Amino acid sequence: MQVPDGMRPAAGSRRAAVLILFGEGPHGPDVLLTERAATLTKHAGQPAFPGGRIDPEDDGPVAAALREAQEEAGVVPSGVDVLATLPELYLSHSDHRVTPVAGWWRAPSEVAPGHPGEVATVARVPIAELTDPANRLTVRHPSGLRLGPAFRVGGMLVWGFTAGLLTAVLAAGGWDRPWDTGHVEDLPPDVLSLSARG
């Protein structure tokens, strides 16, 4: 899988992990996303994969990703088959080294926001919606800085790190479809306002 530009690992940063959880949903293959609460001080209101910092008591990134998915979305770890641990990605703005963990939801559990103060929404987003060219765009800051690919799915605007990782995963899985990369939109003011908190 090609690592998105600007997301190279760096030493000395805080370690974190996210779970890219695929399953067979009512509308075909899907992936689990959460939307962070608007009240948070960092990454408020942003769609994301379940995940967070790797705690000292975690047995590495896989354990951390599964723990966070259970805490944030109610995912039962025993129902997840871990497929792969992907290379670390570096997030310069938060100084985190993030390890993506890919999993298959062999025995799906009921999901819901585990902590309303941290997670606003949990959604199983069909792969078909993510790959629909009509749902894809490029976002930019009103200053003109291009921020990268984005998806408009499930009532959410998925952008930033999550959208970059999704783009790479869809391409690696052979699901990618041609889309209009020239379709560029400014980040909406409400999204921009929430992201500025961090």
Protein backbone atom coordinates (compact mmCIF):
# COMPACT_ATOMS: atom_id res chain seq x y z
CA MET A 1 0.00 0.00 0.00
CA GLN A 2 1.37 3.40 -0.91
CA VAL A 3 1.63 5.69 2.12
CA PRO A 4 -0.04 9.08 1.53
CA ASP A 5 2.41 11.98 1.19
CA GLY A 6 3.16 13.79 4.44
CA MET A 7 2.39 10.75 6.58
CA ARG A 8 5.86 9.20 6.95
CA PRO A 9 6.79 7.70 10.34
CA ALA A 10 8.98 9.74 12.67
CA ALA A 11 10.83 8.66 15.79
CA GLY A 12 10.11 10.12 19.22
CA SER A 13 6.42 10.80 18.63
CA ARG A 14 3.47 9.48 20.63
CA ARG A 15 2.25 6.09 19.44
CA ALA A 16 -1.36 5.41 18.49
CA ALA A 17 -3.37 2.84 16.56
CA VAL A 18 -6.60 2.81 14.55
CA LEU A 19 -8.79 -0.09 13.48
CA ILE A 20 -9.85 -0.30 9.84
CA LEU A 21 -12.69 -2.74 10.35
CA PHE A 22 -14.30 -4.30 7.28
CA GLY A 23 -17.46 -6.36 7.43
CA GLU A 24 -20.37 -7.68 5.40
CA GLY A 25 -23.22 -5.30 6.11
CA PRO A 26 -26.82 -5.08 4.94
CA HIS A 27 -25.67 -3.14 1.85
CA GLY A 28 -22.60 -5.21 1.02
CA PRO A 29 -19.02 -4.86 2.25
CA ASP A 30 -18.54 -1.91 4.57
CA VAL A 31 -16.09 -0.21 6.92
CA LEU A 32 -16.67 1.17 10.41
CA LEU A 33 -16.28 4.91 11.01
CA THR A 34 -16.95 7.08 14.02
CA GLU A 35 -17.58 10.79 14.25
CA ARG A 36 -15.85 12.53 17.12
CA ALA A 37 -17.95 14.68 19.47
CA ALA A 38 -18.14 18.37 18.61
CA THR A 39 -17.28 19.23 22.21
CA LEU A 40 -13.74 17.79 22.07
CA THR A 41 -10.76 20.13 22.02
CA LYS A 42 -8.86 18.15 19.36
CA HIS A 43 -10.24 16.84 16.04
CA ALA A 44 -13.74 17.86 17.14
CA GLY A 45 -16.54 16.66 14.88
CA GLN A 46 -14.20 14.78 12.55
CA PRO A 47 -15.04 11.34 11.15
CA ALA A 48 -12.35 8.82 12.05
CA PHE A 49 -11.49 5.18 12.40
CA PRO A 50 -11.88 3.91 15.97
CA GLY A 51 -8.57 4.32 17.72
CA GLY A 52 -6.34 6.28 20.04
CA ARG A 53 -3.07 6.25 21.93
CA ILE A 54 -1.31 2.99 22.73
CA ASP A 55 -1.37 2.71 26.53
CA PRO A 56 1.49 1.11 28.48
CA GLU A 57 -0.76 -1.82 29.43
CA ASP A 58 -1.68 -2.51 25.79
CA ASP A 59 0.15 -5.39 24.15
CA GLY A 60 1.04 -3.31 21.09
CA PRO A 61 -1.01 -1.59 18.38
CA VAL A 62 -3.41 -4.50 17.71
CA ALA A 63 -4.53 -4.63 21.35
CA ALA A 64 -4.85 -0.84 21.46
CA ALA A 65 -6.91 -0.66 18.26
CA LEU A 66 -9.29 -3.39 19.46
CA ARG A 67 -9.62 -1.81 22.92
CA GLU A 68 -10.38 1.60 21.47
CA ALA A 69 -12.94 0.14 19.05
CA GLN A 70 -14.69 -1.52 21.96
CA GLU A 71 -14.63 1.63 24.09
CA GLU A 72 -15.68 3.99 21.30
CA ALA A 73 -18.13 1.88 19.30
CA GLY A 74 -19.00 -1.28 21.23
CA VAL A 75 -17.04 -3.60 18.93
CA VAL A 76 -16.51 -6.99 20.63
CA PRO A 77 -12.82 -7.85 20.03
CA SER A 78 -13.42 -11.61 19.90
CA GLY A 79 -15.56 -11.10 16.78
CA VAL A 80 -12.72 -9.46 14.85
CA ASP A 81 -10.13 -11.34 12.81
CA VAL A 82 -6.99 -9.20 12.49
CA LEU A 83 -5.78 -9.27 8.88
CA ALA A 84 -2.69 -7.10 8.94
CA THR A 85 -0.79 -4.38 10.72
CA LEU A 86 0.12 -1.63 8.26
CA PRO A 87 3.19 0.63 8.37
CA GLU A 88 3.18 3.51 10.85
CA LEU A 89 2.02 6.86 9.54
CA TYR A 90 3.16 10.18 10.97
CA LEU A 91 0.71 12.98 11.78
CA SER A 92 2.83 16.09 12.08
CA HIS A 93 0.11 18.37 13.44
CA SER A 94 -0.50 16.11 16.47
CA ASP A 95 2.97 14.49 16.60
CA HIS A 96 1.57 10.95 16.60
CA ARG A 97 2.88 7.80 14.95
CA VAL A 98 -0.28 5.90 14.02
CA THR A 99 -0.35 2.19 13.23
CA PRO A 100 -3.39 1.19 11.14
CA VAL A 101 -4.70 -2.29 11.96
CA ALA A 102 -6.90 -3.95 9.32
CA GLY A 103 -9.55 -6.37 10.52
CA TRP A 104 -12.46 -8.46 9.26
CA TRP A 105 -15.67 -8.39 11.29
CA ARG A 106 -16.30 -12.13 11.42
CA ALA A 107 -19.04 -11.82 14.08
CA PRO A 108 -20.43 -8.25 14.00
CA SER A 109 -21.73 -6.81 17.24
CA GLU A 110 -24.25 -4.05 17.81
CA VAL A 111 -22.46 -0.72 17.70
CA ALA A 112 -23.24 2.62 19.31
CA PRO A 113 -21.24 5.56 20.67
CA GLY A 114 -19.48 4.20 23.73
CA HIS A 115 -18.81 7.59 25.30
CA PRO A 116 -21.10 10.44 24.21
CA GLY A 117 -18.48 12.96 25.33
CA GLU A 118 -15.99 11.52 22.83
CA VAL A 119 -18.01 9.89 20.06
CA ALA A 120 -21.11 11.41 18.46
CA THR A 121 -21.86 8.81 15.78
CA VAL A 122 -20.91 5.29 14.78
CA ALA A 123 -21.59 4.24 11.18
CA ARG A 124 -21.01 1.22 8.97
CA VAL A 125 -20.27 2.88 5.63
CA PRO A 126 -20.69 0.70 2.51
CA ILE A 127 -17.61 0.43 0.31
CA ALA A 128 -19.91 1.10 -2.66
CA GLU A 129 -20.71 4.54 -1.24
CA LEU A 130 -17.05 5.35 -0.65
CA THR A 131 -16.11 4.38 -4.20
CA ASP A 132 -19.05 6.16 -5.86
CA PRO A 133 -17.42 9.00 -7.85
CA ALA A 134 -20.37 11.25 -6.92
CA ASN A 135 -19.31 11.04 -3.25
CA ARG A 136 -15.67 11.97 -3.79
CA LEU A 137 -14.00 15.38 -3.85
CA THR A 138 -10.85 17.27 -2.94
CA VAL A 139 -11.01 19.75 -0.07
CA ARG A 140 -8.97 22.87 0.47
CA HIS A 141 -8.58 25.49 3.14
CA PRO A 142 -10.21 28.85 2.26
CA SER A 143 -6.65 30.21 2.06
CA GLY A 144 -6.24 28.08 -1.06
CA LEU A 145 -4.15 25.29 0.48
CA ARG A 146 -5.22 21.91 -0.91
CA LEU A 147 -5.83 19.52 1.97
CA GLY A 148 -6.40 16.31 0.04
CA PRO A 149 -9.11 13.80 -0.85
CA ALA A 150 -12.47 13.65 0.89
CA PHE A 151 -15.67 11.61 0.91
CA ARG A 152 -19.23 12.78 1.46
CA VAL A 153 -20.96 9.69 2.90
CA GLY A 154 -23.50 8.89 5.60
CA GLY A 155 -24.15 12.55 6.31
CA MET A 156 -20.44 13.07 7.07
CA LEU A 157 -17.59 14.85 5.31
CA VAL A 158 -14.63 12.49 5.74
CA TRP A 159 -11.36 14.36 5.21
CA GLY A 160 -7.82 14.69 6.55
CA PHE A 161 -5.89 11.66 7.81
CA THR A 162 -8.92 9.34 7.66
CA ALA A 163 -9.72 10.22 4.05
CA GLY A 164 -6.07 9.86 3.02
CA LEU A 165 -5.86 6.42 4.61
CA LEU A 166 -9.21 5.37 3.13
CA THR A 167 -8.02 6.44 -0.31
CA ALA A 168 -4.87 4.31 0.02
CA VAL A 169 -6.80 1.31 1.36
CA LEU A 170 -9.41 1.44 -1.40
CA ALA A 171 -6.67 1.58 -4.03
CA ALA A 172 -4.75 -1.30 -2.42
CA GLY A 173 -7.92 -3.40 -2.29
CA GLY A 174 -8.66 -2.83 -5.97
CA TRP A 175 -11.93 -1.02 -5.16
CA ASP A 176 -10.92 2.40 -6.41
CA ARG A 177 -12.93 3.87 -9.29
CA PRO A 178 -12.03 6.88 -11.44
CA TRP A 179 -13.37 10.12 -9.97
CA ASP A 180 -13.08 13.82 -10.71
CA THR A 181 -9.99 14.91 -8.78
CA GLY A 182 -10.61 18.39 -10.14
CA HIS A 183 -13.79 18.66 -8.04
CA VAL A 184 -12.42 20.93 -5.30
CA GLU A 185 -14.41 22.51 -2.48
CA ASP A 186 -13.47 24.66 0.49
CA LEU A 187 -13.89 23.08 3.89
CA PRO A 188 -17.29 24.22 5.21
CA PRO A 189 -17.08 26.97 7.86
CA ASP A 190 -18.50 24.72 10.60
CA VAL A 191 -15.93 22.00 9.89
CA LEU A 192 -13.15 24.58 9.72
CA SER A 193 -14.24 26.12 13.02
CA LEU A 194 -14.23 22.76 14.81
CA SER A 195 -10.86 21.71 13.36
CA ALA A 196 -9.28 25.00 14.44
CA ARG A 197 -9.72 24.04 18.11
CA GLY A 198 -6.89 21.52 17.92
